[in-house]
Amino acid sequence: MVGGAYLCYEGAEKLWEKISPHHRDPPTPVGAQGPEYENELVGGAIRTDFILSAEIMVISLNEVAGEPFLSRALILVVVALAITAVVYGAVALIVKMDDVGLRLAQERDGAAASLGRALVRAMPVVLSVLATVGVAAMLWVGGHILLVGLDELGLPWLYETVHHLEEDVDRALGAVGGVGAWLTNTAASAALGLAAGAIVVAVKHRLAGRAGD
């Protein structure tokens, strides 16, 4: 639940940075803001990735809670390796995409050089799309964790409301009802994540304002 709340906060904070007046000026490149800012940016990314990984491990452990100890341990090792290889491997490829493109453009000719220039030009678009998807994913995952967690803690009203809404959508849409039900749950989870994250952001900024005074 704490990890879910943190993901909600991260997503809401990113949205606040986009819409708040003091963030509307053209951004200064990271390299021009000094090593302290870059270290803070990297530290925030590592912290968010660590919490996401921990959430995946906890969810995996919950799914195999009835298995013998050795089976649980082996399954968690496989999940951890999969997270490292698939998730962080993909991140590493994306981070290095512009470097690969630049080298191709400088050291190759013809189609290879054209591909390299295309990779370099595509990177800003790719990163922008990934940033938007990342915010949505944090709100969705964090909100869903809170939704299920509240039900397990004896506060089922929100979970039951969303579940009944899913059933209504499933019946109304017929053949594509499953997709509609999933989208309903996703939207409800994201809305809860945004609401919870907005509360945390407001409290954080309020406390920061008092500390500044």
N, C-alpha and C. Protein backbone atom coordinates (compact mmCIF):
# COMPACT_ATOMS: atom_id res chain seq x y z
N MET A 1 0.83 -1.21 0.00
CA MET A 1 0.00 0.00 0.00
C MET A 1 0.87 1.26 0.00
N VAL A 2 1.94 1.23 0.78
CA VAL A 2 2.85 2.38 0.81
C VAL A 2 3.52 2.56 -0.55
N GLY A 3 3.95 1.44 -1.14
CA GLY A 3 4.55 1.51 -2.47
C GLY A 3 3.56 2.01 -3.51
N GLY A 4 2.32 1.54 -3.42
CA GLY A 4 1.28 2.01 -4.34
C GLY A 4 1.03 3.50 -4.19
N ALA A 5 0.99 3.97 -2.94
CA ALA A 5 0.79 5.40 -2.70
C ALA A 5 1.94 6.22 -3.26
N TYR A 6 3.16 5.67 -3.17
CA TYR A 6 4.31 6.39 -3.72
C TYR A 6 4.22 6.49 -5.25
N LEU A 7 3.79 5.41 -5.90
CA LEU A 7 3.62 5.46 -7.35
C LEU A 7 2.57 6.49 -7.74
N CYS A 8 1.47 6.55 -6.97
CA CYS A 8 0.44 7.56 -7.22
C CYS A 8 1.02 8.97 -7.07
N TYR A 9 1.82 9.15 -6.05
CA TYR A 9 2.45 10.46 -5.83
C TYR A 9 3.36 10.84 -7.00
N GLU A 10 4.18 9.87 -7.46
CA GLU A 10 5.09 10.16 -8.58
C GLU A 10 4.31 10.57 -9.83
N GLY A 11 3.23 9.83 -10.12
CA GLY A 11 2.44 10.17 -11.29
C GLY A 11 1.77 11.53 -11.18
N ALA A 12 1.19 11.81 -10.01
CA ALA A 12 0.53 13.10 -9.81
C ALA A 12 1.54 14.25 -9.81
N GLU A 13 2.71 14.00 -9.27
CA GLU A 13 3.75 15.04 -9.25
C GLU A 13 4.19 15.39 -10.67
N LYS A 14 4.32 14.37 -11.53
CA LYS A 14 4.70 14.63 -12.92
C LYS A 14 3.62 15.46 -13.62
N LEU A 15 2.35 15.16 -13.37
CA LEU A 15 1.27 15.95 -13.97
C LEU A 15 1.30 17.37 -13.43
N TRP A 16 1.54 17.53 -12.15
CA TRP A 16 1.59 18.87 -11.56
C TRP A 16 2.70 19.69 -12.18
N GLU A 17 3.84 19.06 -12.44
CA GLU A 17 4.96 19.78 -13.05
C GLU A 17 4.62 20.27 -14.45
N LYS A 18 3.74 19.54 -15.15
CA LYS A 18 3.37 19.94 -16.50
C LYS A 18 2.36 21.08 -16.52
N ILE A 19 1.46 21.14 -15.54
CA ILE A 19 0.38 22.12 -15.58
C ILE A 19 0.59 23.32 -14.67
N SER A 20 1.50 23.21 -13.72
CA SER A 20 1.68 24.34 -12.79
C SER A 20 2.39 25.49 -13.49
N PRO A 21 2.04 26.73 -13.15
CA PRO A 21 2.57 27.90 -13.86
C PRO A 21 4.09 27.99 -13.83
N HIS A 22 4.72 27.64 -12.68
CA HIS A 22 6.16 27.83 -12.58
C HIS A 22 6.95 26.78 -13.36
N HIS A 23 6.25 25.83 -14.01
CA HIS A 23 6.94 24.84 -14.83
C HIS A 23 6.66 25.02 -16.32
N ARG A 24 6.03 26.12 -16.69
CA ARG A 24 5.65 26.29 -18.09
C ARG A 24 6.74 26.92 -18.94
N ASP A 25 7.80 27.44 -18.33
CA ASP A 25 8.90 28.01 -19.09
C ASP A 25 9.64 26.88 -19.83
N PRO A 26 10.31 27.20 -20.95
CA PRO A 26 11.06 26.16 -21.66
C PRO A 26 12.09 25.53 -20.74
N PRO A 27 12.15 24.21 -20.67
CA PRO A 27 13.06 23.54 -19.75
C PRO A 27 14.51 23.73 -20.15
N THR A 28 15.38 23.84 -19.15
CA THR A 28 16.81 23.93 -19.38
C THR A 28 17.35 22.52 -19.53
N PRO A 29 18.22 22.27 -20.51
CA PRO A 29 18.78 20.92 -20.66
C PRO A 29 19.43 20.46 -19.36
N VAL A 30 19.33 19.14 -19.10
CA VAL A 30 19.86 18.59 -17.86
C VAL A 30 21.34 18.89 -17.72
N GLY A 31 22.09 18.78 -18.83
CA GLY A 31 23.52 19.00 -18.76
C GLY A 31 23.89 20.42 -18.34
N ALA A 32 22.99 21.39 -18.60
CA ALA A 32 23.27 22.79 -18.26
C ALA A 32 22.88 23.12 -16.83
N GLN A 33 22.23 22.19 -16.11
CA GLN A 33 21.77 22.47 -14.76
C GLN A 33 22.71 21.93 -13.68
N GLY A 34 23.83 21.37 -14.09
CA GLY A 34 24.82 20.94 -13.12
C GLY A 34 24.65 19.50 -12.70
N PRO A 35 25.71 18.92 -12.12
CA PRO A 35 25.68 17.51 -11.72
C PRO A 35 24.70 17.22 -10.60
N GLU A 36 24.43 18.22 -9.74
CA GLU A 36 23.50 17.97 -8.64
C GLU A 36 22.10 17.65 -9.17
N TYR A 37 21.65 18.43 -10.15
CA TYR A 37 20.32 18.19 -10.72
C TYR A 37 20.27 16.84 -11.42
N GLU A 38 21.34 16.52 -12.15
CA GLU A 38 21.38 15.23 -12.86
C GLU A 38 21.35 14.07 -11.87
N ASN A 39 22.11 14.20 -10.77
CA ASN A 39 22.11 13.15 -9.75
C ASN A 39 20.74 13.00 -9.12
N GLU A 40 20.06 14.12 -8.90
CA GLU A 40 18.71 14.06 -8.34
C GLU A 40 17.75 13.37 -9.30
N LEU A 41 17.89 13.67 -10.59
CA LEU A 41 17.02 13.06 -11.60
C LEU A 41 17.25 11.55 -11.66
N VAL A 42 18.51 11.15 -11.69
CA VAL A 42 18.84 9.72 -11.74
C VAL A 42 18.38 9.02 -10.47
N GLY A 43 18.59 9.69 -9.32
CA GLY A 43 18.17 9.09 -8.05
C GLY A 43 16.67 8.86 -7.99
N GLY A 44 15.90 9.81 -8.51
CA GLY A 44 14.45 9.66 -8.54
C GLY A 44 14.03 8.50 -9.43
N ALA A 45 14.69 8.36 -10.59
CA ALA A 45 14.36 7.25 -11.49
C ALA A 45 14.69 5.91 -10.86
N ILE A 46 15.84 5.82 -10.19
CA ILE A 46 16.23 4.58 -9.52
C ILE A 46 15.24 4.23 -8.41
N ARG A 47 14.83 5.24 -7.64
CA ARG A 47 13.88 5.00 -6.55
C ARG A 47 12.55 4.49 -7.07
N THR A 48 12.04 5.10 -8.14
CA THR A 48 10.77 4.66 -8.72
C THR A 48 10.89 3.25 -9.28
N ASP A 49 11.99 2.95 -9.99
CA ASP A 49 12.19 1.62 -10.54
C ASP A 49 12.30 0.58 -9.43
N PHE A 50 12.97 0.95 -8.35
CA PHE A 50 13.10 0.01 -7.23
C PHE A 50 11.74 -0.33 -6.63
N ILE A 51 10.91 0.69 -6.45
CA ILE A 51 9.58 0.45 -5.88
C ILE A 51 8.73 -0.38 -6.83
N LEU A 52 8.78 -0.08 -8.13
CA LEU A 52 8.05 -0.89 -9.10
C LEU A 52 8.50 -2.35 -9.06
N SER A 53 9.80 -2.56 -8.98
CA SER A 53 10.32 -3.93 -8.92
C SER A 53 9.86 -4.62 -7.64
N ALA A 54 9.90 -3.90 -6.52
CA ALA A 54 9.45 -4.49 -5.27
C ALA A 54 7.97 -4.85 -5.32
N GLU A 55 7.16 -3.99 -5.96
CA GLU A 55 5.73 -4.28 -6.10
C GLU A 55 5.52 -5.55 -6.93
N ILE A 56 6.27 -5.70 -8.00
CA ILE A 56 6.15 -6.89 -8.84
C ILE A 56 6.52 -8.13 -8.05
N MET A 57 7.58 -8.05 -7.24
CA MET A 57 7.99 -9.19 -6.44
C MET A 57 6.94 -9.54 -5.39
N VAL A 58 6.35 -8.53 -4.76
CA VAL A 58 5.32 -8.78 -3.75
C VAL A 58 4.09 -9.43 -4.37
N ILE A 59 3.67 -8.91 -5.54
CA ILE A 59 2.52 -9.48 -6.23
C ILE A 59 2.82 -10.92 -6.63
N SER A 60 4.03 -11.19 -7.11
CA SER A 60 4.41 -12.55 -7.49
C SER A 60 4.40 -13.47 -6.28
N LEU A 61 4.93 -12.99 -5.15
CA LEU A 61 4.94 -13.80 -3.94
C LEU A 61 3.52 -14.12 -3.48
N ASN A 62 2.62 -13.15 -3.61
CA ASN A 62 1.23 -13.38 -3.22
C ASN A 62 0.58 -14.46 -4.08
N GLU A 63 0.96 -14.51 -5.37
CA GLU A 63 0.37 -15.48 -6.28
C GLU A 63 0.83 -16.91 -5.97
N VAL A 64 2.01 -17.06 -5.37
CA VAL A 64 2.55 -18.41 -5.11
C VAL A 64 2.66 -18.68 -3.61
N ALA A 65 1.85 -17.96 -2.83
CA ALA A 65 1.95 -18.09 -1.37
C ALA A 65 1.68 -19.51 -0.89
N GLY A 66 0.88 -20.28 -1.62
CA GLY A 66 0.55 -21.64 -1.20
C GLY A 66 1.57 -22.68 -1.61
N GLU A 67 2.60 -22.29 -2.36
CA GLU A 67 3.60 -23.24 -2.82
C GLU A 67 4.62 -23.52 -1.72
N PRO A 68 5.32 -24.66 -1.79
CA PRO A 68 6.40 -24.93 -0.83
C PRO A 68 7.49 -23.85 -0.91
N PHE A 69 8.28 -23.77 0.15
CA PHE A 69 9.28 -22.70 0.25
C PHE A 69 10.24 -22.71 -0.93
N LEU A 70 10.76 -23.88 -1.28
CA LEU A 70 11.74 -23.96 -2.36
C LEU A 70 11.12 -23.51 -3.68
N SER A 71 9.88 -23.91 -3.94
CA SER A 71 9.21 -23.49 -5.18
C SER A 71 9.02 -21.97 -5.21
N ARG A 72 8.61 -21.41 -4.08
CA ARG A 72 8.45 -19.95 -4.02
C ARG A 72 9.76 -19.25 -4.30
N ALA A 73 10.84 -19.75 -3.69
CA ALA A 73 12.14 -19.12 -3.87
C ALA A 73 12.58 -19.17 -5.33
N LEU A 74 12.40 -20.33 -5.98
CA LEU A 74 12.80 -20.47 -7.38
C LEU A 74 11.96 -19.57 -8.28
N ILE A 75 10.66 -19.51 -8.01
CA ILE A 75 9.78 -18.66 -8.83
C ILE A 75 10.18 -17.20 -8.70
N LEU A 76 10.48 -16.75 -7.49
CA LEU A 76 10.87 -15.36 -7.28
C LEU A 76 12.20 -15.06 -7.95
N VAL A 77 13.12 -16.02 -7.96
CA VAL A 77 14.39 -15.82 -8.66
C VAL A 77 14.15 -15.65 -10.15
N VAL A 78 13.27 -16.49 -10.73
CA VAL A 78 12.95 -16.38 -12.15
C VAL A 78 12.31 -15.03 -12.46
N VAL A 79 11.37 -14.60 -11.60
CA VAL A 79 10.72 -13.30 -11.80
C VAL A 79 11.74 -12.17 -11.73
N ALA A 80 12.65 -12.25 -10.75
CA ALA A 80 13.66 -11.20 -10.61
C ALA A 80 14.56 -11.13 -11.85
N LEU A 81 14.97 -12.29 -12.35
CA LEU A 81 15.81 -12.31 -13.56
C LEU A 81 15.04 -11.78 -14.76
N ALA A 82 13.75 -12.12 -14.84
CA ALA A 82 12.94 -11.63 -15.95
C ALA A 82 12.80 -10.11 -15.90
N ILE A 83 12.57 -9.57 -14.69
CA ILE A 83 12.48 -8.11 -14.54
C ILE A 83 13.77 -7.46 -15.02
N THR A 84 14.90 -8.02 -14.56
CA THR A 84 16.20 -7.43 -14.91
C THR A 84 16.45 -7.48 -16.42
N ALA A 85 16.18 -8.65 -17.02
CA ALA A 85 16.50 -8.82 -18.44
C ALA A 85 15.53 -8.07 -19.34
N VAL A 86 14.24 -8.17 -19.06
CA VAL A 86 13.24 -7.60 -19.96
C VAL A 86 13.07 -6.11 -19.71
N VAL A 87 12.75 -5.73 -18.47
CA VAL A 87 12.45 -4.33 -18.18
C VAL A 87 13.69 -3.46 -18.30
N TYR A 88 14.72 -3.80 -17.53
CA TYR A 88 15.90 -2.93 -17.52
C TYR A 88 16.75 -3.10 -18.76
N GLY A 89 16.66 -4.28 -19.40
CA GLY A 89 17.31 -4.44 -20.70
C GLY A 89 16.70 -3.53 -21.74
N ALA A 90 15.36 -3.43 -21.73
CA ALA A 90 14.68 -2.53 -22.66
C ALA A 90 15.04 -1.07 -22.38
N VAL A 91 15.12 -0.73 -21.09
CA VAL A 91 15.50 0.64 -20.72
C VAL A 91 16.91 0.96 -21.22
N ALA A 92 17.82 0.02 -21.05
CA ALA A 92 19.20 0.24 -21.51
C ALA A 92 19.25 0.43 -23.02
N LEU A 93 18.46 -0.35 -23.76
CA LEU A 93 18.44 -0.19 -25.21
C LEU A 93 17.91 1.19 -25.61
N ILE A 94 16.87 1.65 -24.92
CA ILE A 94 16.30 2.95 -25.24
C ILE A 94 17.30 4.07 -24.94
N VAL A 95 17.98 3.94 -23.79
CA VAL A 95 18.94 4.98 -23.40
C VAL A 95 20.08 5.07 -24.41
N LYS A 96 20.50 3.93 -24.95
CA LYS A 96 21.63 3.90 -25.87
C LYS A 96 21.22 4.09 -27.34
N MET A 97 19.92 4.23 -27.59
CA MET A 97 19.46 4.30 -28.98
C MET A 97 20.09 5.47 -29.73
N ASP A 98 20.14 6.65 -29.09
CA ASP A 98 20.69 7.80 -29.80
C ASP A 98 22.20 7.66 -30.01
N ASP A 99 22.91 7.02 -29.05
CA ASP A 99 24.35 6.79 -29.23
C ASP A 99 24.61 5.87 -30.42
N VAL A 100 23.79 4.81 -30.51
CA VAL A 100 23.94 3.89 -31.64
C VAL A 100 23.63 4.61 -32.95
N GLY A 101 22.56 5.41 -32.95
CA GLY A 101 22.20 6.15 -34.15
C GLY A 101 23.28 7.13 -34.57
N LEU A 102 23.86 7.83 -33.59
CA LEU A 102 24.92 8.79 -33.90
C LEU A 102 26.13 8.10 -34.50
N ARG A 103 26.50 6.95 -33.94
CA ARG A 103 27.67 6.23 -34.47
C ARG A 103 27.40 5.73 -35.89
N LEU A 104 26.19 5.22 -36.11
CA LEU A 104 25.86 4.78 -37.48
C LEU A 104 25.91 5.94 -38.46
N ALA A 105 25.38 7.10 -38.05
CA ALA A 105 25.35 8.26 -38.94
C ALA A 105 26.75 8.76 -39.25
N GLN A 106 27.68 8.63 -38.29
CA GLN A 106 29.03 9.17 -38.48
C GLN A 106 29.97 8.19 -39.17
N GLU A 107 29.75 6.90 -38.92
CA GLU A 107 30.74 5.92 -39.39
C GLU A 107 30.25 5.05 -40.54
N ARG A 108 29.00 5.15 -40.93
CA ARG A 108 28.47 4.32 -42.01
C ARG A 108 27.95 5.20 -43.14
N ASP A 109 27.67 4.57 -44.25
CA ASP A 109 27.13 5.27 -45.41
C ASP A 109 25.81 4.62 -45.83
N GLY A 110 25.09 5.32 -46.69
CA GLY A 110 23.90 4.75 -47.29
C GLY A 110 22.77 4.52 -46.30
N ALA A 111 22.18 3.31 -46.40
CA ALA A 111 21.01 2.99 -45.58
C ALA A 111 21.34 2.99 -44.09
N ALA A 112 22.53 2.51 -43.72
CA ALA A 112 22.91 2.46 -42.30
C ALA A 112 22.98 3.87 -41.72
N ALA A 113 23.56 4.80 -42.48
CA ALA A 113 23.65 6.19 -42.00
C ALA A 113 22.27 6.81 -41.90
N SER A 114 21.41 6.51 -42.87
CA SER A 114 20.04 7.03 -42.81
C SER A 114 19.30 6.49 -41.60
N LEU A 115 19.50 5.21 -41.31
CA LEU A 115 18.89 4.62 -40.12
C LEU A 115 19.40 5.30 -38.85
N GLY A 116 20.70 5.57 -38.81
CA GLY A 116 21.26 6.24 -37.65
C GLY A 116 20.66 7.61 -37.44
N ARG A 117 20.52 8.40 -38.50
CA ARG A 117 19.92 9.73 -38.37
C ARG A 117 18.46 9.63 -37.95
N ALA A 118 17.76 8.61 -38.45
CA ALA A 118 16.36 8.42 -38.06
C ALA A 118 16.25 8.09 -36.57
N LEU A 119 17.17 7.27 -36.07
CA LEU A 119 17.16 6.93 -34.64
C LEU A 119 17.38 8.16 -33.79
N VAL A 120 18.34 9.01 -34.19
CA VAL A 120 18.62 10.22 -33.43
C VAL A 120 17.41 11.15 -33.43
N ARG A 121 16.77 11.32 -34.60
CA ARG A 121 15.60 12.20 -34.68
C ARG A 121 14.41 11.63 -33.91
N ALA A 122 14.34 10.30 -33.84
CA ALA A 122 13.18 9.68 -33.19
C ALA A 122 13.26 9.72 -31.67
N MET A 123 14.45 9.87 -31.11
CA MET A 123 14.60 9.77 -29.66
C MET A 123 13.74 10.75 -28.87
N PRO A 124 13.68 12.05 -29.23
CA PRO A 124 12.81 12.95 -28.46
C PRO A 124 11.35 12.52 -28.46
N VAL A 125 10.87 12.03 -29.60
CA VAL A 125 9.48 11.56 -29.69
C VAL A 125 9.29 10.33 -28.83
N VAL A 126 10.22 9.38 -28.92
CA VAL A 126 10.13 8.14 -28.14
C VAL A 126 10.11 8.45 -26.65
N LEU A 127 11.02 9.30 -26.20
CA LEU A 127 11.10 9.62 -24.78
C LEU A 127 9.86 10.36 -24.30
N SER A 128 9.32 11.24 -25.16
CA SER A 128 8.09 11.95 -24.78
C SER A 128 6.92 10.99 -24.62
N VAL A 129 6.80 10.05 -25.56
CA VAL A 129 5.72 9.05 -25.47
C VAL A 129 5.91 8.18 -24.24
N LEU A 130 7.14 7.73 -23.99
CA LEU A 130 7.40 6.89 -22.83
C LEU A 130 7.12 7.63 -21.53
N ALA A 131 7.43 8.92 -21.48
CA ALA A 131 7.15 9.69 -20.27
C ALA A 131 5.65 9.75 -19.99
N THR A 132 4.86 9.98 -21.05
CA THR A 132 3.41 10.03 -20.89
C THR A 132 2.86 8.67 -20.47
N VAL A 133 3.32 7.61 -21.13
CA VAL A 133 2.87 6.26 -20.78
C VAL A 133 3.30 5.92 -19.36
N GLY A 134 4.49 6.35 -18.97
CA GLY A 134 4.98 6.07 -17.62
C GLY A 134 4.12 6.71 -16.55
N VAL A 135 3.70 7.95 -16.77
CA VAL A 135 2.83 8.63 -15.81
C VAL A 135 1.50 7.89 -15.68
N ALA A 136 0.92 7.53 -16.84
CA ALA A 136 -0.35 6.80 -16.82
C ALA A 136 -0.19 5.45 -16.11
N ALA A 137 0.93 4.77 -16.36
CA ALA A 137 1.15 3.47 -15.75
C ALA A 137 1.31 3.58 -14.24
N MET A 138 2.02 4.60 -13.77
CA MET A 138 2.19 4.78 -12.33
C MET A 138 0.86 5.03 -11.64
N LEU A 139 0.02 5.88 -12.24
CA LEU A 139 -1.29 6.15 -11.66
C LEU A 139 -2.17 4.90 -11.68
N TRP A 140 -2.11 4.16 -12.79
CA TRP A 140 -2.93 2.95 -12.92
C TRP A 140 -2.49 1.88 -11.92
N VAL A 141 -1.20 1.55 -11.92
CA VAL A 141 -0.70 0.49 -11.04
C VAL A 141 -0.86 0.89 -9.57
N GLY A 142 -0.45 2.11 -9.24
CA GLY A 142 -0.59 2.55 -7.86
C GLY A 142 -2.04 2.58 -7.40
N GLY A 143 -2.92 3.09 -8.27
CA GLY A 143 -4.34 3.14 -7.91
C GLY A 143 -4.94 1.76 -7.75
N HIS A 144 -4.53 0.81 -8.61
CA HIS A 144 -5.07 -0.54 -8.50
C HIS A 144 -4.59 -1.22 -7.22
N ILE A 145 -3.34 -0.99 -6.85
CA ILE A 145 -2.84 -1.53 -5.59
C ILE A 145 -3.65 -1.00 -4.41
N LEU A 146 -3.93 0.28 -4.42
CA LEU A 146 -4.74 0.88 -3.34
C LEU A 146 -6.16 0.33 -3.36
N LEU A 147 -6.72 0.16 -4.56
CA LEU A 147 -8.09 -0.32 -4.69
C LEU A 147 -8.22 -1.72 -4.09
N VAL A 148 -7.32 -2.61 -4.47
CA VAL A 148 -7.36 -3.98 -3.95
C VAL A 148 -6.98 -4.01 -2.47
N GLY A 149 -6.00 -3.20 -2.09
CA GLY A 149 -5.56 -3.18 -0.71
C GLY A 149 -6.64 -2.70 0.25
N LEU A 150 -7.39 -1.68 -0.15
CA LEU A 150 -8.48 -1.20 0.71
C LEU A 150 -9.52 -2.29 0.92
N ASP A 151 -9.80 -3.06 -0.13
CA ASP A 151 -10.75 -4.16 0.01
C ASP A 151 -10.24 -5.20 1.01
N GLU A 152 -8.96 -5.54 0.91
CA GLU A 152 -8.40 -6.54 1.81
C GLU A 152 -8.28 -6.03 3.25
N LEU A 153 -8.23 -4.72 3.42
CA LEU A 153 -8.16 -4.14 4.76
C LEU A 153 -9.54 -3.92 5.38
N GLY A 154 -10.60 -4.36 4.69
CA GLY A 154 -11.95 -4.25 5.24
C GLY A 154 -12.69 -3.01 4.83
N LEU A 155 -12.22 -2.34 3.75
CA LEU A 155 -12.92 -1.16 3.22
C LEU A 155 -13.29 -1.45 1.77
N PRO A 156 -14.33 -2.28 1.55
CA PRO A 156 -14.60 -2.81 0.22
C PRO A 156 -15.45 -1.93 -0.69
N TRP A 157 -15.90 -0.76 -0.20
CA TRP A 157 -16.89 -0.01 -0.97
C TRP A 157 -16.39 0.36 -2.35
N LEU A 158 -15.20 0.90 -2.45
CA LEU A 158 -14.67 1.32 -3.75
C LEU A 158 -14.47 0.11 -4.66
N TYR A 159 -13.88 -0.94 -4.14
CA TYR A 159 -13.62 -2.13 -4.94
C TYR A 159 -14.92 -2.72 -5.47
N GLU A 160 -15.92 -2.84 -4.60
CA GLU A 160 -17.20 -3.41 -5.02
C GLU A 160 -17.91 -2.52 -6.04
N THR A 161 -17.79 -1.20 -5.87
CA THR A 161 -18.40 -0.28 -6.83
C THR A 161 -17.78 -0.46 -8.21
N VAL A 162 -16.45 -0.52 -8.27
CA VAL A 162 -15.76 -0.71 -9.55
C VAL A 162 -16.10 -2.07 -10.14
N HIS A 163 -16.18 -3.11 -9.29
CA HIS A 163 -16.50 -4.45 -9.77
C HIS A 163 -17.90 -4.50 -10.38
N HIS A 164 -18.87 -3.88 -9.73
CA HIS A 164 -20.22 -3.85 -10.27
C HIS A 164 -20.27 -3.06 -11.59
N LEU A 165 -19.49 -1.98 -11.65
CA LEU A 165 -19.43 -1.20 -12.88
C LEU A 165 -18.83 -2.02 -14.01
N GLU A 166 -17.80 -2.81 -13.71
CA GLU A 166 -17.22 -3.70 -14.71
C GLU A 166 -18.26 -4.68 -15.24
N GLU A 167 -19.05 -5.26 -14.34
CA GLU A 167 -20.07 -6.22 -14.75
C GLU A 167 -21.11 -5.57 -15.66
N ASP A 168 -21.50 -4.34 -15.32
CA ASP A 168 -22.49 -3.63 -16.15
C ASP A 168 -21.94 -3.37 -17.55
N VAL A 169 -20.68 -2.95 -17.62
CA VAL A 169 -20.05 -2.67 -18.92
C VAL A 169 -19.91 -3.96 -19.71
N ASP A 170 -19.52 -5.05 -19.04
CA ASP A 170 -19.37 -6.34 -19.71
C ASP A 170 -20.69 -6.79 -20.34
N ARG A 171 -21.78 -6.65 -19.61
CA ARG A 171 -23.08 -7.05 -20.15
C ARG A 171 -23.53 -6.13 -21.28
N ALA A 172 -23.24 -4.84 -21.14
CA ALA A 172 -23.71 -3.87 -22.14
C ALA A 172 -22.98 -3.99 -23.46
N LEU A 173 -21.72 -4.37 -23.45
CA LEU A 173 -20.91 -4.38 -24.68
C LEU A 173 -20.89 -5.73 -25.38
N GLY A 174 -21.43 -6.75 -24.77
CA GLY A 174 -21.53 -8.04 -25.44
C GLY A 174 -20.19 -8.66 -25.75
N ALA A 175 -19.87 -8.85 -27.05
CA ALA A 175 -18.67 -9.58 -27.47
C ALA A 175 -17.38 -8.92 -27.00
N VAL A 176 -17.38 -7.62 -26.90
CA VAL A 176 -16.16 -6.91 -26.46
C VAL A 176 -16.29 -6.46 -25.01
N GLY A 177 -17.20 -7.12 -24.29
CA GLY A 177 -17.43 -6.73 -22.90
C GLY A 177 -16.21 -6.90 -22.01
N GLY A 178 -15.41 -7.95 -22.29
CA GLY A 178 -14.21 -8.17 -21.48
C GLY A 178 -13.23 -7.02 -21.58
N VAL A 179 -13.06 -6.54 -22.82
CA VAL A 179 -12.15 -5.40 -23.03
C VAL A 179 -12.70 -4.15 -22.33
N GLY A 180 -14.00 -3.93 -22.48
CA GLY A 180 -14.62 -2.78 -21.84
C GLY A 180 -14.52 -2.84 -20.33
N ALA A 181 -14.69 -4.05 -19.76
CA ALA A 181 -14.58 -4.21 -18.31
C ALA A 181 -13.16 -3.91 -17.84
N TRP A 182 -12.17 -4.40 -18.62
CA TRP A 182 -10.78 -4.14 -18.25
C TRP A 182 -10.47 -2.64 -18.31
N LEU A 183 -10.95 -1.97 -19.36
CA LEU A 183 -10.72 -0.54 -19.48
C LEU A 183 -11.42 0.22 -18.36
N THR A 184 -12.58 -0.26 -17.94
CA THR A 184 -13.29 0.38 -16.83
C THR A 184 -12.49 0.28 -15.54
N ASN A 185 -11.98 -0.91 -15.27
CA ASN A 185 -11.15 -1.10 -14.08
C ASN A 185 -9.89 -0.25 -14.15
N THR A 186 -9.28 -0.20 -15.34
CA THR A 186 -8.06 0.60 -15.52
C THR A 186 -8.33 2.08 -15.27
N ALA A 187 -9.42 2.59 -15.85
CA ALA A 187 -9.75 4.00 -15.68
C ALA A 187 -10.07 4.32 -14.23
N ALA A 188 -10.81 3.43 -13.56
CA ALA A 188 -11.14 3.65 -12.15
C ALA A 188 -9.89 3.63 -11.28
N SER A 189 -8.99 2.69 -11.57
CA SER A 189 -7.74 2.60 -10.81
C SER A 189 -6.90 3.87 -11.01
N ALA A 190 -6.81 4.34 -12.26
CA ALA A 190 -6.04 5.54 -12.54
C ALA A 190 -6.65 6.77 -11.87
N ALA A 191 -7.99 6.84 -11.86
CA ALA A 191 -8.66 7.97 -11.19
C ALA A 191 -8.38 7.96 -9.69
N LEU A 192 -8.46 6.76 -9.09
CA LEU A 192 -8.13 6.66 -7.66
C LEU A 192 -6.67 7.01 -7.42
N GLY A 193 -5.79 6.54 -8.32
CA GLY A 193 -4.37 6.86 -8.19
C GLY A 193 -4.12 8.35 -8.28
N LEU A 194 -4.81 9.02 -9.22
CA LEU A 194 -4.64 10.46 -9.36
C LEU A 194 -5.14 11.20 -8.12
N ALA A 195 -6.29 10.77 -7.59
CA ALA A 195 -6.84 11.42 -6.39
C ALA A 195 -5.90 11.24 -5.20
N ALA A 196 -5.43 10.00 -4.99
CA ALA A 196 -4.52 9.74 -3.87
C ALA A 196 -3.20 10.48 -4.05
N GLY A 197 -2.67 10.45 -5.28
CA GLY A 197 -1.41 11.15 -5.54
C GLY A 197 -1.54 12.64 -5.37
N ALA A 198 -2.68 13.22 -5.78
CA ALA A 198 -2.88 14.66 -5.63
C ALA A 198 -2.89 15.06 -4.16
N ILE A 199 -3.46 14.21 -3.32
CA ILE A 199 -3.47 14.50 -1.88
C ILE A 199 -2.05 14.52 -1.33
N VAL A 200 -1.26 13.52 -1.72
CA VAL A 200 0.13 13.46 -1.24
C VAL A 200 0.93 14.65 -1.75
N VAL A 201 0.74 15.02 -3.02
CA VAL A 201 1.45 16.17 -3.58
C VAL A 201 1.07 17.44 -2.84
N ALA A 202 -0.23 17.63 -2.57
CA ALA A 202 -0.68 18.82 -1.86
C ALA A 202 -0.07 18.89 -0.46
N VAL A 203 -0.05 17.76 0.24
CA VAL A 203 0.54 17.73 1.59
C VAL A 203 2.03 18.03 1.52
N LYS A 204 2.72 17.44 0.54
CA LYS A 204 4.16 17.67 0.41
C LYS A 204 4.47 19.14 0.16
N HIS A 205 3.74 19.76 -0.78
CA HIS A 205 3.99 21.16 -1.09
C HIS A 205 3.62 22.06 0.08
N ARG A 206 2.58 21.68 0.82
CA ARG A 206 2.20 22.45 2.00
C ARG A 206 3.29 22.40 3.05
N LEU A 207 3.85 21.21 3.30
CA LEU A 207 4.92 21.07 4.28
C LEU A 207 6.17 21.78 3.81
N ALA A 208 6.44 21.71 2.49
CA ALA A 208 7.63 22.40 1.96
C ALA A 208 7.49 23.90 2.10
N GLY A 209 6.24 24.41 1.88
CA GLY A 209 6.00 25.83 2.05
C GLY A 209 6.20 26.29 3.48
N ARG A 210 5.76 25.48 4.44
CA ARG A 210 5.96 25.83 5.85
C ARG A 210 7.42 25.80 6.22
N ALA A 211 8.15 24.80 5.67
CA ALA A 211 9.59 24.72 5.96
C ALA A 211 10.32 25.92 5.40
N GLY A 212 9.88 26.39 4.22
CA GLY A 212 10.49 27.57 3.62
C GLY A 212 10.23 28.84 4.42
N ASP A 213 9.02 28.91 5.04
CA ASP A 213 8.72 30.07 5.86
C ASP A 213 9.55 30.08 7.13
